[in-house]
């Protein structure tokens, strides 16, 4: 199936892809927040899916690393990237667990990159009280794990989600942006 005019998707990818206008707005908010704090222009998409946010990030960041764990969706991501001419050293695709990779990767010299994160949250049937999990971890645990590995983190959340920076236990978190973009809440954190 195709999403919009350009992206191939499975049913989950079609449901969860960020529309182009919202993707541009989210990437712009992340880029502006990150470049005020860092000279590193690398963005890591921890949950690339079929590429909606990753492709828009390439317009603002010099390097984008897109991770997708699901093999079928990764193949769609790869096909979409090749169809859009994004297969370059500046746009790398990884079919692996993004969290394990980023957390276990040694920090290279220089400034830390930023990351964008769209955890699965159950879509329209989600109850406001349901926790948002990624790889079995609450998003606040994920934020703790990313401390010291990324400098700025953008998170897509349900519009009605009440992000509480005080729940993050081990990290001092500053909320740089909390804004409704399209049908979702986009939160940018300084770690």
N, C-alpha and C. Protein backbone atom coordinates (compact mmCIF):
# COMPACT_ATOMS: atom_id res chain seq x y z
N UNK A 1 0.85 -1.17 0.00
CA UNK A 1 0.00 0.00 0.00
C UNK A 1 0.89 1.23 0.00
N UNK A 2 0.38 2.31 -0.55
CA UNK A 2 1.12 3.58 -0.57
C UNK A 2 0.48 4.58 0.37
N UNK A 3 1.32 5.37 1.03
CA UNK A 3 0.84 6.44 1.90
C UNK A 3 1.12 7.74 1.18
N UNK A 4 0.11 8.57 1.08
CA UNK A 4 0.28 9.80 0.33
C UNK A 4 0.64 9.44 -1.11
N UNK A 5 1.55 10.14 -1.67
CA UNK A 5 1.95 9.89 -3.05
C UNK A 5 3.23 9.08 -3.12
N UNK A 6 4.02 9.10 -2.06
CA UNK A 6 5.40 8.65 -2.20
C UNK A 6 5.84 7.45 -1.38
N UNK A 7 5.27 7.16 -0.25
CA UNK A 7 5.82 6.13 0.63
C UNK A 7 5.05 4.83 0.57
N UNK A 8 5.78 3.73 0.49
CA UNK A 8 5.17 2.40 0.60
C UNK A 8 5.08 2.07 2.07
N UNK A 9 3.98 1.41 2.46
CA UNK A 9 3.76 1.14 3.89
C UNK A 9 2.99 -0.15 4.09
N UNK A 10 3.17 -0.75 5.27
CA UNK A 10 2.28 -1.82 5.72
C UNK A 10 1.16 -1.14 6.50
N UNK A 11 0.23 -1.91 7.06
CA UNK A 11 -0.92 -1.28 7.74
C UNK A 11 -0.49 -0.48 8.96
N UNK A 12 0.49 -0.97 9.73
CA UNK A 12 0.95 -0.21 10.90
C UNK A 12 1.67 1.06 10.48
N UNK A 13 2.51 0.95 9.46
CA UNK A 13 3.22 2.12 8.95
C UNK A 13 2.28 3.17 8.41
N UNK A 14 1.21 2.73 7.73
CA UNK A 14 0.23 3.67 7.18
C UNK A 14 -0.50 4.39 8.30
N UNK A 15 -0.78 3.68 9.40
CA UNK A 15 -1.47 4.31 10.52
C UNK A 15 -0.57 5.28 11.27
N UNK A 16 0.70 4.90 11.46
CA UNK A 16 1.54 5.68 12.36
C UNK A 16 2.48 6.67 11.68
N UNK A 17 2.51 6.70 10.35
CA UNK A 17 3.40 7.64 9.68
C UNK A 17 2.99 9.08 10.01
N UNK A 18 3.98 9.92 10.21
CA UNK A 18 3.73 11.34 10.49
C UNK A 18 3.45 12.05 9.17
N UNK A 19 2.37 12.81 9.12
CA UNK A 19 2.09 13.51 7.86
C UNK A 19 3.20 14.54 7.61
N UNK A 20 3.39 14.87 6.33
CA UNK A 20 4.53 15.68 5.91
C UNK A 20 4.61 17.02 6.63
N UNK A 21 3.49 17.71 6.77
CA UNK A 21 3.49 19.03 7.41
C UNK A 21 3.90 18.93 8.89
N UNK A 22 3.35 17.95 9.60
CA UNK A 22 3.71 17.76 11.02
C UNK A 22 5.16 17.32 11.15
N UNK A 23 5.63 16.46 10.24
CA UNK A 23 7.02 16.00 10.29
C UNK A 23 7.99 17.16 10.12
N UNK A 24 7.69 18.06 9.19
CA UNK A 24 8.54 19.25 8.99
C UNK A 24 8.55 20.10 10.26
N UNK A 25 7.37 20.32 10.85
CA UNK A 25 7.28 21.14 12.06
C UNK A 25 8.06 20.51 13.21
N UNK A 26 7.90 19.20 13.40
CA UNK A 26 8.61 18.52 14.50
C UNK A 26 10.11 18.55 14.30
N UNK A 27 10.56 18.25 13.08
CA UNK A 27 12.00 18.27 12.81
C UNK A 27 12.57 19.68 12.97
N UNK A 28 11.80 20.68 12.58
CA UNK A 28 12.25 22.07 12.74
C UNK A 28 12.38 22.45 14.22
N UNK A 29 11.40 22.05 15.03
CA UNK A 29 11.47 22.33 16.47
C UNK A 29 12.67 21.63 17.10
N UNK A 30 12.91 20.39 16.72
CA UNK A 30 14.06 19.65 17.26
C UNK A 30 15.37 20.29 16.80
N UNK A 31 15.46 20.61 15.53
CA UNK A 31 16.69 21.20 14.99
C UNK A 31 17.00 22.54 15.66
N UNK A 32 16.00 23.38 15.79
CA UNK A 32 16.20 24.69 16.42
C UNK A 32 16.65 24.52 17.87
N UNK A 33 16.00 23.64 18.60
CA UNK A 33 16.36 23.41 20.00
C UNK A 33 17.75 22.82 20.13
N UNK A 34 18.09 21.89 19.23
CA UNK A 34 19.39 21.22 19.31
C UNK A 34 20.54 22.14 18.91
N UNK A 35 20.37 22.90 17.84
CA UNK A 35 21.48 23.74 17.36
C UNK A 35 21.77 24.91 18.29
N UNK A 36 20.84 25.25 19.16
CA UNK A 36 21.13 26.26 20.18
C UNK A 36 22.06 25.70 21.25
N UNK A 37 22.15 24.38 21.34
CA UNK A 37 22.90 23.72 22.40
C UNK A 37 24.12 22.96 21.90
N UNK A 38 24.26 22.74 20.59
CA UNK A 38 25.29 21.86 20.08
C UNK A 38 25.66 22.21 18.65
N UNK A 39 26.90 21.89 18.28
CA UNK A 39 27.32 22.05 16.89
C UNK A 39 27.14 20.75 16.11
N UNK A 40 26.87 19.65 16.80
CA UNK A 40 26.68 18.36 16.14
C UNK A 40 25.36 18.38 15.38
N UNK A 41 25.41 18.04 14.12
CA UNK A 41 24.20 18.05 13.30
C UNK A 41 23.81 16.64 12.87
N UNK A 42 23.88 15.71 13.83
CA UNK A 42 23.46 14.34 13.59
C UNK A 42 22.16 14.09 14.33
N UNK A 43 21.20 13.50 13.63
CA UNK A 43 19.91 13.15 14.24
C UNK A 43 19.73 11.64 14.14
N UNK A 44 19.36 11.03 15.24
CA UNK A 44 19.09 9.60 15.28
C UNK A 44 17.58 9.41 15.40
N UNK A 45 16.99 8.72 14.42
CA UNK A 45 15.57 8.39 14.50
C UNK A 45 15.49 7.00 15.11
N UNK A 46 15.07 6.94 16.37
CA UNK A 46 15.05 5.69 17.11
C UNK A 46 13.94 4.75 16.65
N UNK A 47 12.93 5.27 15.99
CA UNK A 47 11.77 4.49 15.56
C UNK A 47 11.37 4.94 14.16
N UNK A 48 12.17 4.61 13.17
CA UNK A 48 12.01 5.16 11.82
C UNK A 48 10.75 4.70 11.09
N UNK A 49 10.27 3.52 11.38
CA UNK A 49 9.10 3.03 10.65
C UNK A 49 9.36 2.99 9.16
N UNK A 50 8.51 3.63 8.38
CA UNK A 50 8.67 3.66 6.92
C UNK A 50 9.41 4.91 6.44
N UNK A 51 9.80 5.79 7.39
CA UNK A 51 10.68 6.91 7.04
C UNK A 51 10.11 8.31 7.08
N UNK A 52 8.85 8.48 7.47
CA UNK A 52 8.22 9.80 7.45
C UNK A 52 9.03 10.90 8.10
N UNK A 53 9.44 10.71 9.35
CA UNK A 53 10.24 11.73 10.06
C UNK A 53 11.69 11.74 9.57
N UNK A 54 12.24 10.56 9.32
CA UNK A 54 13.65 10.47 8.91
C UNK A 54 13.92 11.26 7.65
N UNK A 55 13.04 11.13 6.66
CA UNK A 55 13.26 11.83 5.39
C UNK A 55 13.19 13.34 5.58
N UNK A 56 12.29 13.81 6.41
CA UNK A 56 12.19 15.26 6.67
C UNK A 56 13.41 15.75 7.45
N UNK A 57 13.94 14.91 8.33
CA UNK A 57 15.12 15.30 9.12
C UNK A 57 16.34 15.54 8.23
N UNK A 58 16.42 14.86 7.09
CA UNK A 58 17.57 15.05 6.20
C UNK A 58 17.65 16.46 5.65
N UNK A 59 16.56 17.17 5.66
CA UNK A 59 16.56 18.55 5.14
C UNK A 59 17.20 19.53 6.12
N UNK A 60 17.31 19.12 7.40
CA UNK A 60 17.82 20.02 8.43
C UNK A 60 19.13 19.54 9.07
N UNK A 61 19.32 18.24 9.14
CA UNK A 61 20.50 17.68 9.80
C UNK A 61 21.47 17.14 8.75
N UNK A 62 22.77 17.28 9.01
CA UNK A 62 23.76 16.83 8.02
C UNK A 62 23.83 15.31 7.94
N UNK A 63 23.52 14.63 9.04
CA UNK A 63 23.55 13.16 9.07
C UNK A 63 22.32 12.66 9.80
N UNK A 64 21.69 11.62 9.25
CA UNK A 64 20.53 11.00 9.90
C UNK A 64 20.77 9.50 9.96
N UNK A 65 20.62 8.93 11.15
CA UNK A 65 20.69 7.48 11.35
C UNK A 65 19.28 7.01 11.67
N UNK A 66 18.72 6.18 10.80
CA UNK A 66 17.33 5.72 10.95
C UNK A 66 17.31 4.25 11.35
N UNK A 67 16.70 3.97 12.50
CA UNK A 67 16.61 2.61 13.03
C UNK A 67 15.19 2.08 12.91
N UNK A 68 15.06 0.86 12.43
CA UNK A 68 13.77 0.16 12.42
C UNK A 68 14.04 -1.31 12.71
N UNK A 69 13.43 -1.83 13.77
CA UNK A 69 13.67 -3.20 14.21
C UNK A 69 12.87 -4.22 13.39
N UNK A 70 11.64 -3.91 13.04
CA UNK A 70 10.79 -4.84 12.30
C UNK A 70 11.35 -5.05 10.89
N UNK A 71 11.64 -6.29 10.53
CA UNK A 71 12.30 -6.59 9.25
C UNK A 71 11.46 -6.15 8.05
N UNK A 72 10.16 -6.46 8.06
CA UNK A 72 9.31 -6.07 6.93
C UNK A 72 9.22 -4.56 6.78
N UNK A 73 9.07 -3.86 7.90
CA UNK A 73 8.99 -2.40 7.85
C UNK A 73 10.34 -1.81 7.47
N UNK A 74 11.43 -2.43 7.92
CA UNK A 74 12.76 -1.98 7.53
C UNK A 74 12.94 -2.08 6.02
N UNK A 75 12.46 -3.17 5.44
CA UNK A 75 12.55 -3.32 3.98
C UNK A 75 11.76 -2.24 3.26
N UNK A 76 10.60 -1.86 3.80
CA UNK A 76 9.82 -0.75 3.24
C UNK A 76 10.59 0.57 3.39
N UNK A 77 11.20 0.77 4.55
CA UNK A 77 12.02 1.97 4.80
C UNK A 77 13.15 2.04 3.77
N UNK A 78 13.83 0.92 3.58
CA UNK A 78 14.94 0.87 2.63
C UNK A 78 14.46 1.16 1.20
N UNK A 79 13.34 0.56 0.83
CA UNK A 79 12.78 0.79 -0.50
C UNK A 79 12.36 2.26 -0.67
N UNK A 80 11.72 2.82 0.35
CA UNK A 80 11.33 4.23 0.30
C UNK A 80 12.55 5.14 0.20
N UNK A 81 13.61 4.81 0.96
CA UNK A 81 14.83 5.62 0.93
C UNK A 81 15.48 5.57 -0.45
N UNK A 82 15.55 4.38 -1.01
CA UNK A 82 16.15 4.25 -2.34
C UNK A 82 15.31 4.97 -3.40
N UNK A 83 14.00 4.89 -3.27
CA UNK A 83 13.11 5.56 -4.21
C UNK A 83 13.20 7.07 -4.14
N UNK A 84 13.58 7.59 -2.98
CA UNK A 84 13.70 9.04 -2.80
C UNK A 84 15.15 9.52 -2.94
N UNK A 85 16.07 8.60 -3.24
CA UNK A 85 17.47 8.97 -3.41
C UNK A 85 18.20 9.28 -2.12
N UNK A 86 17.77 8.66 -1.02
CA UNK A 86 18.38 8.95 0.28
C UNK A 86 19.47 7.97 0.70
N UNK A 87 19.85 7.03 -0.14
CA UNK A 87 20.87 6.07 0.26
C UNK A 87 22.25 6.68 0.08
N UNK A 88 22.71 7.42 1.06
CA UNK A 88 24.01 8.07 1.03
C UNK A 88 24.68 7.83 2.37
N UNK A 89 25.97 8.10 2.48
CA UNK A 89 26.64 7.94 3.79
C UNK A 89 26.04 8.86 4.86
N UNK A 90 25.38 9.94 4.45
CA UNK A 90 24.78 10.86 5.42
C UNK A 90 23.41 10.38 5.90
N UNK A 91 22.87 9.38 5.25
CA UNK A 91 21.57 8.82 5.64
C UNK A 91 21.75 7.31 5.78
N UNK A 92 21.96 6.87 7.03
CA UNK A 92 22.23 5.45 7.27
C UNK A 92 21.01 4.77 7.86
N UNK A 93 20.77 3.55 7.39
CA UNK A 93 19.65 2.74 7.87
C UNK A 93 20.19 1.57 8.68
N UNK A 94 19.49 1.26 9.77
CA UNK A 94 19.90 0.16 10.64
C UNK A 94 18.68 -0.70 10.97
N UNK A 95 18.78 -2.00 10.71
CA UNK A 95 17.73 -2.94 11.06
C UNK A 95 18.14 -3.61 12.37
N UNK A 96 18.05 -2.83 13.44
CA UNK A 96 18.45 -3.34 14.76
C UNK A 96 17.76 -2.54 15.85
N UNK A 97 17.91 -3.00 17.05
CA UNK A 97 17.31 -2.36 18.22
C UNK A 97 18.02 -1.02 18.46
N UNK A 98 17.33 0.05 18.22
CA UNK A 98 17.94 1.38 18.32
C UNK A 98 18.43 1.69 19.72
N UNK A 99 17.63 1.34 20.71
CA UNK A 99 17.99 1.67 22.08
C UNK A 99 19.27 0.94 22.49
N UNK A 100 19.34 -0.36 22.21
CA UNK A 100 20.54 -1.13 22.55
C UNK A 100 21.75 -0.59 21.79
N UNK A 101 21.56 -0.25 20.54
CA UNK A 101 22.66 0.24 19.73
C UNK A 101 23.19 1.58 20.24
N UNK A 102 22.29 2.52 20.48
CA UNK A 102 22.70 3.85 20.92
C UNK A 102 23.29 3.81 22.33
N UNK A 103 22.67 3.06 23.21
CA UNK A 103 23.13 2.99 24.60
C UNK A 103 24.49 2.30 24.69
N UNK A 104 24.72 1.28 23.87
CA UNK A 104 25.96 0.51 23.96
C UNK A 104 27.07 1.01 23.05
N UNK A 105 26.77 1.96 22.20
CA UNK A 105 27.77 2.48 21.27
C UNK A 105 28.69 3.44 22.02
N UNK A 106 30.00 3.30 21.81
CA UNK A 106 30.90 4.25 22.47
C UNK A 106 30.67 5.66 21.93
N UNK A 107 30.81 6.62 22.80
CA UNK A 107 30.62 8.02 22.41
C UNK A 107 31.86 8.46 21.64
N UNK A 108 31.63 8.98 20.45
CA UNK A 108 32.73 9.47 19.64
C UNK A 108 33.10 10.87 20.11
N UNK A 109 34.26 11.31 19.69
CA UNK A 109 34.68 12.66 20.06
C UNK A 109 33.69 13.70 19.58
N UNK A 110 33.62 14.77 20.29
CA UNK A 110 32.76 15.86 19.85
C UNK A 110 31.44 15.89 20.60
N UNK A 111 30.56 16.70 20.09
CA UNK A 111 29.25 16.91 20.70
C UNK A 111 28.34 15.71 20.51
N UNK A 112 27.41 15.56 21.42
CA UNK A 112 26.42 14.49 21.33
C UNK A 112 25.37 14.82 20.27
N UNK A 113 24.82 13.80 19.63
CA UNK A 113 23.77 14.03 18.64
C UNK A 113 22.42 14.27 19.31
N UNK A 114 21.42 14.51 18.50
CA UNK A 114 20.06 14.55 19.02
C UNK A 114 19.34 13.30 18.53
N UNK A 115 18.19 13.03 19.10
CA UNK A 115 17.40 11.87 18.68
C UNK A 115 15.94 12.25 18.63
N UNK A 116 15.22 11.53 17.79
CA UNK A 116 13.77 11.69 17.71
C UNK A 116 13.16 10.32 17.97
N UNK A 117 12.05 10.31 18.68
CA UNK A 117 11.52 9.08 19.25
C UNK A 117 10.00 9.09 19.16
N UNK A 118 9.45 8.08 18.50
CA UNK A 118 8.00 7.96 18.34
C UNK A 118 7.58 6.60 18.91
N UNK A 119 7.50 6.50 20.24
CA UNK A 119 7.18 5.20 20.84
C UNK A 119 5.76 4.77 20.50
N UNK A 120 5.53 3.46 20.37
CA UNK A 120 4.16 3.01 20.11
C UNK A 120 3.29 3.27 21.33
N UNK A 121 2.13 3.84 21.12
CA UNK A 121 1.28 4.17 22.27
C UNK A 121 -0.14 3.68 22.14
N UNK A 122 -0.40 2.81 21.16
CA UNK A 122 -1.72 2.19 21.09
C UNK A 122 -2.73 2.89 20.22
N UNK A 123 -2.37 4.01 19.65
CA UNK A 123 -3.26 4.69 18.72
C UNK A 123 -4.55 5.19 19.33
N UNK A 124 -5.60 5.15 18.55
CA UNK A 124 -6.87 5.74 18.95
C UNK A 124 -7.55 5.03 20.11
N UNK A 125 -7.22 3.76 20.33
CA UNK A 125 -7.85 2.99 21.41
C UNK A 125 -7.13 3.13 22.75
N UNK A 126 -6.11 3.94 22.79
CA UNK A 126 -5.32 4.11 24.00
C UNK A 126 -6.13 4.79 25.09
N UNK A 127 -6.00 4.26 26.30
CA UNK A 127 -6.60 4.91 27.46
C UNK A 127 -5.58 5.92 27.99
N UNK A 128 -6.05 7.03 28.49
CA UNK A 128 -5.16 8.07 29.00
C UNK A 128 -4.24 7.55 30.11
N UNK A 129 -4.70 6.52 30.83
CA UNK A 129 -3.90 5.99 31.95
C UNK A 129 -2.92 4.90 31.51
N UNK A 130 -2.98 4.46 30.25
CA UNK A 130 -2.05 3.43 29.77
C UNK A 130 -0.63 3.97 29.74
N UNK A 131 0.33 3.19 30.25
CA UNK A 131 1.73 3.63 30.14
C UNK A 131 2.19 3.52 28.69
N UNK A 132 3.13 4.33 28.31
CA UNK A 132 3.71 4.26 26.97
C UNK A 132 5.04 3.52 27.10
N UNK A 133 5.12 2.38 26.43
CA UNK A 133 6.28 1.51 26.55
C UNK A 133 7.03 1.42 25.22
N UNK A 134 8.33 1.23 25.32
CA UNK A 134 9.18 0.97 24.16
C UNK A 134 10.14 -0.13 24.57
N UNK A 135 10.12 -1.23 23.84
CA UNK A 135 10.93 -2.40 24.21
C UNK A 135 10.66 -2.86 25.64
N UNK A 136 9.42 -2.72 26.08
CA UNK A 136 9.04 -3.14 27.42
C UNK A 136 9.40 -2.15 28.51
N UNK A 137 9.97 -1.02 28.14
CA UNK A 137 10.39 -0.01 29.11
C UNK A 137 9.48 1.21 29.03
N UNK A 138 9.16 1.77 30.17
CA UNK A 138 8.42 3.02 30.23
C UNK A 138 9.27 4.11 29.57
N UNK A 139 8.63 5.09 28.93
CA UNK A 139 9.41 6.12 28.23
C UNK A 139 10.34 6.88 29.16
N UNK A 140 9.98 6.98 30.42
CA UNK A 140 10.87 7.68 31.36
C UNK A 140 12.15 6.88 31.59
N UNK A 141 12.05 5.54 31.58
CA UNK A 141 13.25 4.70 31.68
C UNK A 141 14.11 4.86 30.43
N UNK A 142 13.47 4.97 29.28
CA UNK A 142 14.20 5.17 28.03
C UNK A 142 14.98 6.49 28.09
N UNK A 143 14.35 7.54 28.60
CA UNK A 143 15.02 8.83 28.73
C UNK A 143 16.25 8.70 29.63
N UNK A 144 16.10 7.98 30.75
CA UNK A 144 17.25 7.75 31.63
C UNK A 144 18.39 7.06 30.88
N UNK A 145 18.05 6.05 30.07
CA UNK A 145 19.07 5.30 29.35
C UNK A 145 19.78 6.15 28.30
N UNK A 146 19.08 7.11 27.72
CA UNK A 146 19.66 7.95 26.67
C UNK A 146 20.51 9.09 27.22
N UNK A 147 20.42 9.34 28.52
CA UNK A 147 21.23 10.39 29.13
C UNK A 147 22.71 10.09 28.90
N UNK A 148 23.43 11.07 28.43
CA UNK A 148 24.85 10.89 28.15
C UNK A 148 25.13 10.32 26.77
N UNK A 149 24.07 9.95 26.06
CA UNK A 149 24.23 9.41 24.70
C UNK A 149 23.66 10.37 23.65
N UNK A 150 22.64 11.13 24.03
CA UNK A 150 22.10 12.17 23.16
C UNK A 150 21.97 13.45 23.99
N UNK A 151 22.06 14.56 23.33
CA UNK A 151 21.99 15.84 24.03
C UNK A 151 20.58 16.41 24.04
N UNK A 152 19.86 16.16 22.96
CA UNK A 152 18.50 16.68 22.81
C UNK A 152 17.63 15.54 22.30
N UNK A 153 16.42 15.42 22.85
CA UNK A 153 15.53 14.32 22.48
C UNK A 153 14.15 14.86 22.17
N UNK A 154 13.65 14.56 20.98
CA UNK A 154 12.29 14.91 20.59
C UNK A 154 11.41 13.67 20.70
N UNK A 155 10.25 13.80 21.36
CA UNK A 155 9.36 12.66 21.56
C UNK A 155 7.96 12.99 21.04
N UNK A 156 7.43 12.12 20.18
CA UNK A 156 6.05 12.23 19.72
C UNK A 156 5.17 11.48 20.71
N UNK A 157 4.14 12.14 21.20
CA UNK A 157 3.25 11.55 22.20
C UNK A 157 1.80 11.82 21.82
N UNK A 158 0.88 11.09 22.46
CA UNK A 158 -0.54 11.40 22.23
C UNK A 158 -0.83 12.84 22.66
N UNK A 159 -1.73 13.45 21.98
CA UNK A 159 -2.08 14.86 22.23
C UNK A 159 -2.46 15.12 23.69
N UNK A 160 -3.12 14.16 24.33
CA UNK A 160 -3.59 14.36 25.71
C UNK A 160 -2.59 13.88 26.76
N UNK A 161 -1.39 13.50 26.34
CA UNK A 161 -0.40 12.97 27.28
C UNK A 161 0.14 14.09 28.18
N UNK A 162 0.24 13.80 29.45
CA UNK A 162 0.78 14.79 30.39
C UNK A 162 2.20 14.37 30.76
N UNK A 163 3.16 14.92 30.01
CA UNK A 163 4.56 14.59 30.26
C UNK A 163 4.99 15.20 31.58
N UNK A 164 5.59 14.39 32.44
CA UNK A 164 6.02 14.85 33.76
C UNK A 164 7.53 14.66 33.88
N UNK A 165 8.28 15.73 33.69
CA UNK A 165 9.75 15.63 33.74
C UNK A 165 10.24 15.19 35.12
N UNK A 166 9.41 15.34 36.14
CA UNK A 166 9.83 14.95 37.48
C UNK A 166 9.83 13.44 37.69
N UNK A 167 9.23 12.69 36.76
CA UNK A 167 9.22 11.23 36.86
C UNK A 167 10.56 10.65 36.43
N UNK A 168 11.30 11.39 35.63
CA UNK A 168 12.61 10.93 35.18
C UNK A 168 13.53 10.94 36.39
N UNK A 169 14.01 9.75 36.78
CA UNK A 169 14.69 9.61 38.06
C UNK A 169 16.14 10.06 38.10
N UNK A 170 16.93 9.64 37.14
CA UNK A 170 18.38 9.81 37.25
C UNK A 170 18.92 11.01 36.48
N UNK A 171 18.08 11.68 35.76
CA UNK A 171 18.53 12.71 34.84
C UNK A 171 17.84 14.03 35.14
N UNK A 172 18.61 15.09 35.09
CA UNK A 172 17.97 16.41 35.16
C UNK A 172 17.52 16.74 33.75
N UNK A 173 16.22 16.88 33.59
CA UNK A 173 15.63 17.09 32.27
C UNK A 173 15.04 18.49 32.20
N UNK A 174 15.32 19.15 31.10
CA UNK A 174 14.70 20.45 30.86
C UNK A 174 13.80 20.31 29.64
N UNK A 175 12.55 20.70 29.79
CA UNK A 175 11.62 20.68 28.66
C UNK A 175 11.85 21.95 27.86
N UNK A 176 12.38 21.80 26.65
CA UNK A 176 12.66 22.94 25.79
C UNK A 176 11.43 23.36 25.00
N UNK A 177 10.65 22.36 24.57
CA UNK A 177 9.44 22.60 23.77
C UNK A 177 8.40 21.57 24.17
N UNK A 178 7.17 22.00 24.32
CA UNK A 178 6.04 21.09 24.48
C UNK A 178 4.90 21.72 23.68
N UNK A 179 4.62 21.13 22.52
CA UNK A 179 3.70 21.78 21.60
C UNK A 179 2.86 20.74 20.86
N UNK A 180 1.58 21.04 20.71
CA UNK A 180 0.71 20.18 19.90
C UNK A 180 1.03 20.47 18.44
N UNK A 181 1.39 19.41 17.72
CA UNK A 181 1.70 19.51 16.29
C UNK A 181 0.82 18.48 15.58
N UNK A 182 -0.08 18.96 14.77
CA UNK A 182 -1.02 18.04 14.13
C UNK A 182 -1.90 17.38 15.18
N UNK A 183 -1.94 16.06 15.16
CA UNK A 183 -2.76 15.32 16.13
C UNK A 183 -1.96 14.84 17.33
N UNK A 184 -0.70 15.28 17.46
CA UNK A 184 0.13 14.76 18.54
C UNK A 184 0.82 15.87 19.33
N UNK A 185 1.28 15.48 20.51
CA UNK A 185 2.09 16.36 21.34
C UNK A 185 3.55 16.07 20.99
N UNK A 186 4.34 17.11 20.77
CA UNK A 186 5.76 16.93 20.50
C UNK A 186 6.52 17.62 21.63
N UNK A 187 7.34 16.84 22.33
CA UNK A 187 8.10 17.35 23.46
C UNK A 187 9.59 17.25 23.11
N UNK A 188 10.32 18.34 23.31
CA UNK A 188 11.77 18.33 23.09
C UNK A 188 12.44 18.54 24.44
N UNK A 189 13.33 17.61 24.77
CA UNK A 189 14.01 17.63 26.07
C UNK A 189 15.50 17.89 25.91
N UNK A 190 16.07 18.61 26.85
CA UNK A 190 17.51 18.74 26.98
C UNK A 190 17.93 17.73 28.03
N UNK A 191 18.85 16.84 27.66
CA UNK A 191 19.34 15.83 28.62
C UNK A 191 20.72 16.21 29.11
